[in-house]
């Protein structure tokens, strides 16, 4: 695995105000930001150039610091898939239909 890109959503920061309209606007924005931040798919990490071997339980370090909810094959060998079959806080097991160097979005 040669490169990793992480998705980090910044928390909403309220600004003190005496203006009721501004306070209401901040309330609405905060609710929307919280909804977006609760989407598991957005709390992910992109693993590039992951070497996967066919017919083997490929153990991959995912760097999330928690058990992943899922994993998507973003880029790999055409016509084949990669499936996360098990995971814990540090590693996940990936099975695949063909040996490939893959890019995975882990969330």
Protein backbone atom coordinates (compact mmCIF):
# COMPACT_ATOMS: atom_id res chain seq x y z
CA UNK A 1 0.00 0.00 0.00
CA UNK A 2 1.74 3.16 -1.11
CA UNK A 3 -0.63 6.03 -0.54
CA UNK A 4 -3.49 6.93 1.76
CA UNK A 5 -5.99 9.79 1.64
CA UNK A 6 -8.34 10.49 4.52
CA UNK A 7 -11.71 12.21 4.67
CA UNK A 8 -11.95 14.49 7.71
CA UNK A 9 -15.06 16.58 8.17
CA UNK A 10 -14.47 19.69 10.22
CA UNK A 11 -16.88 20.26 13.13
CA UNK A 12 -19.42 23.06 12.95
CA UNK A 13 -18.34 26.12 14.96
CA UNK A 14 -21.00 28.48 16.26
CA UNK A 15 -20.25 32.17 16.48
CA UNK A 16 -21.73 34.16 19.31
CA UNK A 17 -24.38 36.63 18.22
CA UNK A 18 -27.25 38.62 19.66
CA UNK A 19 -29.07 38.64 16.32
CA UNK A 20 -32.01 36.17 16.38
CA UNK A 21 -32.00 35.58 12.63
CA UNK A 22 -28.29 34.76 12.64
CA UNK A 23 -28.79 32.41 15.63
CA UNK A 24 -31.66 30.62 13.80
CA UNK A 25 -29.53 30.29 10.68
CA UNK A 26 -26.70 28.79 12.72
CA UNK A 27 -29.18 26.34 14.30
CA UNK A 28 -30.30 25.15 10.86
CA UNK A 29 -26.77 24.90 9.52
CA UNK A 30 -25.65 22.97 12.59
CA UNK A 31 -28.45 20.38 12.13
CA UNK A 32 -27.52 19.89 8.47
CA UNK A 33 -23.80 19.58 9.26
CA UNK A 34 -24.58 16.97 11.94
CA UNK A 35 -26.61 14.94 9.44
CA UNK A 36 -23.74 14.99 6.96
CA UNK A 37 -21.19 14.09 9.64
CA UNK A 38 -23.29 11.05 10.64
CA UNK A 39 -23.06 9.45 7.19
CA UNK A 40 -20.66 6.49 7.68
CA UNK A 41 -19.50 6.51 4.05
CA UNK A 42 -18.03 10.00 4.48
CA UNK A 43 -15.88 8.92 7.43
CA UNK A 44 -13.51 6.95 5.27
CA UNK A 45 -10.03 6.54 3.98
CA UNK A 46 -8.75 5.84 0.47
CA UNK A 47 -6.14 3.09 0.25
CA UNK A 48 -4.26 3.12 -3.04
CA UNK A 49 -2.08 0.43 -4.62
CA UNK A 50 -3.27 -2.38 -2.36
CA UNK A 51 -1.92 -5.70 -3.63
CA UNK A 52 -4.60 -8.41 -3.55
CA UNK A 53 -4.00 -12.09 -4.35
CA UNK A 54 -6.72 -14.35 -5.77
CA UNK A 55 -8.10 -17.20 -3.60
CA UNK A 56 -6.35 -15.91 -0.47
CA UNK A 57 -7.66 -14.13 2.62
CA UNK A 58 -5.82 -10.83 2.04
CA UNK A 59 -5.22 -9.05 5.37
CA UNK A 60 -5.05 -5.29 4.79
CA UNK A 61 -4.24 -2.59 7.36
CA UNK A 62 -6.96 0.05 6.98
CA UNK A 63 -5.78 2.86 9.34
CA UNK A 64 -9.31 3.91 10.43
CA UNK A 65 -8.71 3.29 14.12
CA UNK A 66 -12.13 1.56 14.35
CA UNK A 67 -13.88 -1.39 12.76
CA UNK A 68 -14.94 -0.42 9.22
CA UNK A 69 -18.61 -0.38 8.22
CA UNK A 70 -17.75 -1.31 4.65
CA UNK A 71 -15.28 -1.20 1.79
CA UNK A 72 -15.71 -0.30 -1.89
CA UNK A 73 -13.44 -1.27 -4.72
CA UNK A 74 -12.80 2.09 -6.39
CA UNK A 75 -10.24 0.89 -8.92
CA UNK A 76 -9.11 -2.62 -9.76
CA UNK A 77 -9.02 -5.27 -12.46
CA UNK A 78 -11.98 -4.88 -14.82
CA UNK A 79 -14.71 -7.47 -14.36
CA UNK A 80 -13.56 -8.58 -10.91
CA UNK A 81 -14.59 -7.49 -7.46
CA UNK A 82 -13.05 -7.33 -4.02
CA UNK A 83 -15.15 -8.04 -0.93
CA UNK A 84 -14.44 -7.31 2.73
CA UNK A 85 -15.21 -10.57 4.54
CA UNK A 86 -14.02 -9.64 8.06
CA UNK A 87 -12.60 -6.65 9.91
CA UNK A 88 -11.44 -5.33 13.25
CA UNK A 89 -10.01 -2.03 14.53
CA UNK A 90 -6.72 -2.47 12.63
CA UNK A 91 -7.11 -4.85 9.70
CA UNK A 92 -9.68 -6.17 7.28
CA UNK A 93 -9.82 -9.34 5.23
CA UNK A 94 -10.44 -8.92 1.50
CA UNK A 95 -11.27 -11.70 -0.94
CA UNK A 96 -11.09 -11.11 -4.69
CA UNK A 97 -11.73 -12.88 -7.97
CA UNK A 98 -8.39 -11.97 -9.55
CA UNK A 99 -4.94 -10.91 -8.44
CA UNK A 100 -4.91 -7.14 -8.68
CA UNK A 101 -3.49 -3.89 -7.44
CA UNK A 102 -6.55 -2.09 -6.13
CA UNK A 103 -7.73 1.22 -4.76
CA UNK A 104 -10.20 0.80 -1.88
CA UNK A 105 -12.47 3.27 -0.06
CA UNK A 106 -12.79 1.99 3.51
CA UNK A 107 -15.43 3.56 5.74
